[in-house]
Amino acid sequence: MRTLTVTAAIVATVLTACASSPPAPQTAAPPVAAKPARTAAQIPMAELMDKPEANAVFKKHAPDLATNPQLSMARGMSLAEVAGYEQAGLTPELVKAIVDDVNKL
């Protein structure tokens, strides 16, 4: 009988503690992880030439370069590397605009 009394006393203590405790705060669902933004050095020219959405961005900001037949020689380069060539005609502002729009895709 003593065991039953001790167990009942423990249950009563726990129930009293739970009843007097404030409810646990509701936590919001964890945010969806955002895709990390890439830099011009991380955007390959092959992507800007082959991926339709990226190609549309490239043509929007640099139409002359995007349609230049010699551009195929730059497939293995990054946007930053191509921008380093003066004849590409990519100003820092154009590069930033391309990078910003590609990162939105």
N, C-alpha and C. Protein backbone atom coordinates (compact mmCIF):
# COMPACT_ATOMS: atom_id res chain seq x y z
N MET A 1 0.81 -1.18 0.00
CA MET A 1 0.00 0.00 0.00
C MET A 1 0.86 1.25 0.00
N ARG A 2 2.00 1.16 0.64
CA ARG A 2 2.89 2.31 0.71
C ARG A 2 3.36 2.71 -0.70
N THR A 3 3.66 1.76 -1.58
CA THR A 3 4.11 2.04 -2.94
C THR A 3 3.05 2.80 -3.70
N LEU A 4 1.81 2.42 -3.57
CA LEU A 4 0.71 3.08 -4.25
C LEU A 4 0.57 4.51 -3.76
N THR A 5 0.74 4.75 -2.49
CA THR A 5 0.64 6.10 -1.94
C THR A 5 1.78 6.98 -2.46
N VAL A 6 3.01 6.46 -2.51
CA VAL A 6 4.15 7.23 -2.99
C VAL A 6 3.97 7.54 -4.48
N THR A 7 3.52 6.57 -5.25
CA THR A 7 3.31 6.77 -6.68
C THR A 7 2.21 7.79 -6.91
N ALA A 8 1.13 7.71 -6.16
CA ALA A 8 0.04 8.67 -6.30
C ALA A 8 0.51 10.06 -5.92
N ALA A 9 1.39 10.17 -4.92
CA ALA A 9 1.90 11.46 -4.50
C ALA A 9 2.79 12.06 -5.60
N ILE A 10 3.58 11.23 -6.22
CA ILE A 10 4.44 11.72 -7.31
C ILE A 10 3.60 12.20 -8.48
N VAL A 11 2.61 11.43 -8.87
CA VAL A 11 1.72 11.81 -9.98
C VAL A 11 1.02 13.11 -9.65
N ALA A 12 0.54 13.25 -8.42
CA ALA A 12 -0.15 14.47 -8.02
C ALA A 12 0.79 15.67 -8.09
N THR A 13 2.04 15.48 -7.68
CA THR A 13 3.02 16.57 -7.73
C THR A 13 3.30 16.98 -9.17
N VAL A 14 3.47 16.01 -10.04
CA VAL A 14 3.74 16.30 -11.45
C VAL A 14 2.55 17.00 -12.09
N LEU A 15 1.36 16.52 -11.83
CA LEU A 15 0.17 17.15 -12.41
C LEU A 15 0.00 18.58 -11.91
N THR A 16 0.28 18.82 -10.65
CA THR A 16 0.18 20.17 -10.10
C THR A 16 1.20 21.07 -10.76
N ALA A 17 2.42 20.58 -10.93
CA ALA A 17 3.48 21.37 -11.56
C ALA A 17 3.12 21.70 -13.01
N CYS A 18 2.58 20.75 -13.72
CA CYS A 18 2.21 20.97 -15.12
C CYS A 18 1.05 21.95 -15.23
N ALA A 19 0.11 21.86 -14.32
CA ALA A 19 -1.05 22.74 -14.36
C ALA A 19 -0.67 24.19 -14.05
N SER A 20 0.33 24.39 -13.22
CA SER A 20 0.70 25.75 -12.85
C SER A 20 1.76 26.34 -13.79
N SER A 21 2.35 25.52 -14.65
CA SER A 21 3.36 26.02 -15.58
C SER A 21 2.69 26.71 -16.75
N PRO A 22 3.28 27.82 -17.23
CA PRO A 22 2.72 28.46 -18.41
C PRO A 22 2.89 27.54 -19.62
N PRO A 23 2.03 27.66 -20.58
CA PRO A 23 2.16 26.79 -21.76
C PRO A 23 3.45 27.11 -22.51
N ALA A 24 3.98 26.11 -23.14
CA ALA A 24 5.21 26.29 -23.91
C ALA A 24 4.92 27.22 -25.09
N PRO A 25 5.82 28.14 -25.38
CA PRO A 25 5.58 29.07 -26.49
C PRO A 25 5.54 28.30 -27.82
N GLN A 26 4.69 28.76 -28.71
CA GLN A 26 4.61 28.16 -30.03
C GLN A 26 5.80 28.65 -30.85
N THR A 27 6.45 27.76 -31.50
CA THR A 27 7.57 28.16 -32.33
C THR A 27 7.13 28.11 -33.79
N ALA A 28 7.60 29.08 -34.53
CA ALA A 28 7.28 29.13 -35.95
C ALA A 28 8.06 28.05 -36.69
N ALA A 29 7.52 27.65 -37.80
CA ALA A 29 8.21 26.67 -38.62
C ALA A 29 9.54 27.27 -39.07
N PRO A 30 10.56 26.47 -39.17
CA PRO A 30 11.86 27.01 -39.59
C PRO A 30 11.74 27.59 -41.00
N PRO A 31 12.43 28.69 -41.26
CA PRO A 31 12.34 29.28 -42.59
C PRO A 31 12.96 28.37 -43.64
N VAL A 32 12.46 28.48 -44.84
CA VAL A 32 13.02 27.70 -45.93
C VAL A 32 14.39 28.29 -46.26
N ALA A 33 15.35 27.44 -46.34
CA ALA A 33 16.72 27.91 -46.60
C ALA A 33 16.78 28.58 -47.97
N ALA A 34 17.27 29.79 -47.98
CA ALA A 34 17.42 30.52 -49.24
C ALA A 34 18.65 30.03 -49.97
N LYS A 35 18.54 30.05 -51.27
CA LYS A 35 19.67 29.67 -52.09
C LYS A 35 20.73 30.76 -51.96
N PRO A 36 21.97 30.39 -51.65
CA PRO A 36 22.99 31.42 -51.48
C PRO A 36 23.24 32.17 -52.79
N ALA A 37 23.41 33.46 -52.69
CA ALA A 37 23.67 34.29 -53.87
C ALA A 37 25.07 33.98 -54.40
N ARG A 38 25.16 33.92 -55.71
CA ARG A 38 26.46 33.67 -56.34
C ARG A 38 27.07 34.99 -56.82
N THR A 39 28.36 34.97 -56.98
CA THR A 39 29.07 36.13 -57.50
C THR A 39 29.33 35.92 -58.99
N ALA A 40 29.84 36.96 -59.64
CA ALA A 40 30.16 36.86 -61.07
C ALA A 40 31.21 35.77 -61.31
N ALA A 41 32.09 35.58 -60.34
CA ALA A 41 33.12 34.54 -60.48
C ALA A 41 32.54 33.14 -60.39
N GLN A 42 31.33 33.01 -59.85
CA GLN A 42 30.71 31.69 -59.68
C GLN A 42 29.67 31.39 -60.75
N ILE A 43 29.44 32.31 -61.66
CA ILE A 43 28.45 32.09 -62.72
C ILE A 43 29.19 31.75 -64.01
N PRO A 44 29.08 30.51 -64.46
CA PRO A 44 29.78 30.12 -65.68
C PRO A 44 29.10 30.67 -66.94
N MET A 45 29.90 31.04 -67.90
CA MET A 45 29.36 31.54 -69.16
C MET A 45 28.52 30.47 -69.85
N ALA A 46 28.89 29.21 -69.70
CA ALA A 46 28.11 28.13 -70.31
C ALA A 46 26.67 28.17 -69.81
N GLU A 47 26.47 28.50 -68.54
CA GLU A 47 25.11 28.62 -68.00
C GLU A 47 24.38 29.79 -68.65
N LEU A 48 25.07 30.90 -68.82
CA LEU A 48 24.43 32.07 -69.43
C LEU A 48 24.11 31.83 -70.90
N MET A 49 24.81 30.91 -71.52
CA MET A 49 24.56 30.61 -72.93
C MET A 49 23.54 29.48 -73.12
N ASP A 50 23.52 28.52 -72.20
CA ASP A 50 22.72 27.31 -72.40
C ASP A 50 21.38 27.28 -71.66
N LYS A 51 21.32 27.86 -70.50
CA LYS A 51 20.11 27.82 -69.69
C LYS A 51 19.16 28.92 -70.18
N PRO A 52 17.97 28.57 -70.66
CA PRO A 52 17.09 29.58 -71.26
C PRO A 52 16.81 30.80 -70.38
N GLU A 53 16.55 30.59 -69.10
CA GLU A 53 16.25 31.72 -68.22
C GLU A 53 17.46 32.62 -68.04
N ALA A 54 18.62 32.01 -67.84
CA ALA A 54 19.86 32.77 -67.67
C ALA A 54 20.25 33.46 -68.98
N ASN A 55 20.00 32.79 -70.10
CA ASN A 55 20.31 33.38 -71.40
C ASN A 55 19.44 34.61 -71.66
N ALA A 56 18.19 34.56 -71.24
CA ALA A 56 17.31 35.73 -71.40
C ALA A 56 17.83 36.91 -70.59
N VAL A 57 18.32 36.65 -69.39
CA VAL A 57 18.91 37.71 -68.56
C VAL A 57 20.14 38.28 -69.25
N PHE A 58 21.00 37.40 -69.75
CA PHE A 58 22.23 37.82 -70.41
C PHE A 58 21.92 38.69 -71.63
N LYS A 59 20.95 38.24 -72.45
CA LYS A 59 20.57 39.00 -73.64
C LYS A 59 19.94 40.34 -73.29
N LYS A 60 19.23 40.38 -72.18
CA LYS A 60 18.59 41.63 -71.74
C LYS A 60 19.65 42.68 -71.41
N HIS A 61 20.70 42.28 -70.72
CA HIS A 61 21.71 43.23 -70.24
C HIS A 61 22.88 43.44 -71.20
N ALA A 62 23.22 42.42 -71.97
CA ALA A 62 24.38 42.51 -72.87
C ALA A 62 24.03 41.87 -74.22
N PRO A 63 23.07 42.44 -74.95
CA PRO A 63 22.62 41.79 -76.19
C PRO A 63 23.72 41.63 -77.24
N ASP A 64 24.60 42.61 -77.37
CA ASP A 64 25.67 42.49 -78.36
C ASP A 64 26.63 41.35 -78.03
N LEU A 65 26.99 41.23 -76.79
CA LEU A 65 27.90 40.16 -76.37
C LEU A 65 27.20 38.80 -76.44
N ALA A 66 25.95 38.76 -76.03
CA ALA A 66 25.21 37.50 -75.98
C ALA A 66 25.04 36.89 -77.36
N THR A 67 25.04 37.71 -78.39
CA THR A 67 24.85 37.21 -79.76
C THR A 67 26.15 37.19 -80.56
N ASN A 68 27.26 37.50 -79.92
CA ASN A 68 28.55 37.52 -80.61
C ASN A 68 28.98 36.08 -80.91
N PRO A 69 29.28 35.77 -82.18
CA PRO A 69 29.67 34.40 -82.52
C PRO A 69 30.96 33.94 -81.83
N GLN A 70 31.80 34.85 -81.41
CA GLN A 70 33.05 34.48 -80.74
C GLN A 70 32.84 34.12 -79.27
N LEU A 71 31.64 34.34 -78.77
CA LEU A 71 31.37 34.07 -77.36
C LEU A 71 31.56 32.59 -77.01
N SER A 72 31.38 31.72 -77.98
CA SER A 72 31.52 30.29 -77.70
C SER A 72 32.92 29.94 -77.17
N MET A 73 33.90 30.78 -77.48
CA MET A 73 35.26 30.52 -76.97
C MET A 73 35.35 30.75 -75.45
N ALA A 74 34.34 31.41 -74.88
CA ALA A 74 34.37 31.73 -73.45
C ALA A 74 33.53 30.76 -72.62
N ARG A 75 33.09 29.65 -73.19
CA ARG A 75 32.22 28.70 -72.47
C ARG A 75 32.81 28.25 -71.13
N GLY A 76 34.09 28.05 -71.07
CA GLY A 76 34.73 27.55 -69.86
C GLY A 76 35.10 28.63 -68.87
N MET A 77 34.73 29.86 -69.16
CA MET A 77 35.08 30.97 -68.28
C MET A 77 33.89 31.38 -67.41
N SER A 78 34.18 32.17 -66.40
CA SER A 78 33.11 32.73 -65.57
C SER A 78 32.73 34.10 -66.12
N LEU A 79 31.61 34.59 -65.67
CA LEU A 79 31.19 35.94 -66.06
C LEU A 79 32.25 36.96 -65.65
N ALA A 80 32.83 36.81 -64.49
CA ALA A 80 33.86 37.74 -64.02
C ALA A 80 35.09 37.71 -64.92
N GLU A 81 35.47 36.53 -65.38
CA GLU A 81 36.64 36.44 -66.27
C GLU A 81 36.37 37.14 -67.60
N VAL A 82 35.18 36.93 -68.16
CA VAL A 82 34.83 37.58 -69.42
C VAL A 82 34.77 39.09 -69.24
N ALA A 83 34.22 39.52 -68.11
CA ALA A 83 34.11 40.95 -67.83
C ALA A 83 35.48 41.60 -67.72
N GLY A 84 36.50 40.83 -67.44
CA GLY A 84 37.86 41.35 -67.35
C GLY A 84 38.43 41.78 -68.69
N TYR A 85 37.82 41.33 -69.78
CA TYR A 85 38.28 41.73 -71.11
C TYR A 85 37.53 42.98 -71.54
N GLU A 86 38.27 44.01 -71.85
CA GLU A 86 37.66 45.29 -72.22
C GLU A 86 36.74 45.15 -73.43
N GLN A 87 37.12 44.32 -74.39
CA GLN A 87 36.31 44.16 -75.59
C GLN A 87 34.95 43.51 -75.33
N ALA A 88 34.77 42.91 -74.15
CA ALA A 88 33.47 42.33 -73.80
C ALA A 88 32.44 43.43 -73.57
N GLY A 89 32.90 44.60 -73.14
CA GLY A 89 31.99 45.73 -72.93
C GLY A 89 31.11 45.58 -71.71
N LEU A 90 31.54 44.78 -70.74
CA LEU A 90 30.76 44.57 -69.53
C LEU A 90 31.27 45.50 -68.42
N THR A 91 30.51 46.53 -68.15
CA THR A 91 30.86 47.45 -67.07
C THR A 91 30.53 46.79 -65.73
N PRO A 92 31.09 47.28 -64.65
CA PRO A 92 30.74 46.72 -63.34
C PRO A 92 29.23 46.78 -63.08
N GLU A 93 28.58 47.84 -63.57
CA GLU A 93 27.12 47.96 -63.37
C GLU A 93 26.37 46.87 -64.14
N LEU A 94 26.81 46.59 -65.36
CA LEU A 94 26.17 45.52 -66.15
C LEU A 94 26.37 44.16 -65.49
N VAL A 95 27.60 43.92 -65.04
CA VAL A 95 27.89 42.64 -64.38
C VAL A 95 27.01 42.49 -63.14
N LYS A 96 26.90 43.54 -62.34
CA LYS A 96 26.07 43.48 -61.14
C LYS A 96 24.61 43.21 -61.51
N ALA A 97 24.11 43.85 -62.55
CA ALA A 97 22.72 43.64 -62.98
C ALA A 97 22.50 42.20 -63.43
N ILE A 98 23.45 41.64 -64.17
CA ILE A 98 23.34 40.25 -64.62
C ILE A 98 23.36 39.31 -63.41
N VAL A 99 24.32 39.52 -62.52
CA VAL A 99 24.44 38.67 -61.33
C VAL A 99 23.16 38.75 -60.49
N ASP A 100 22.66 39.95 -60.25
CA ASP A 100 21.44 40.11 -59.44
C ASP A 100 20.27 39.37 -60.07
N ASP A 101 20.10 39.51 -61.39
CA ASP A 101 18.97 38.85 -62.05
C ASP A 101 19.14 37.34 -62.11
N VAL A 102 20.35 36.87 -62.32
CA VAL A 102 20.58 35.41 -62.35
C VAL A 102 20.33 34.83 -60.96
N ASN A 103 20.71 35.56 -59.92
CA ASN A 103 20.48 35.06 -58.55
C ASN A 103 18.99 35.01 -58.20
N LYS A 104 18.16 35.72 -58.92
CA LYS A 104 16.71 35.68 -58.68
C LYS A 104 16.06 34.46 -59.31
N LEU A 105 16.77 33.80 -60.23
CA LEU A 105 16.19 32.63 -60.92
C LEU A 105 16.09 31.44 -60.00
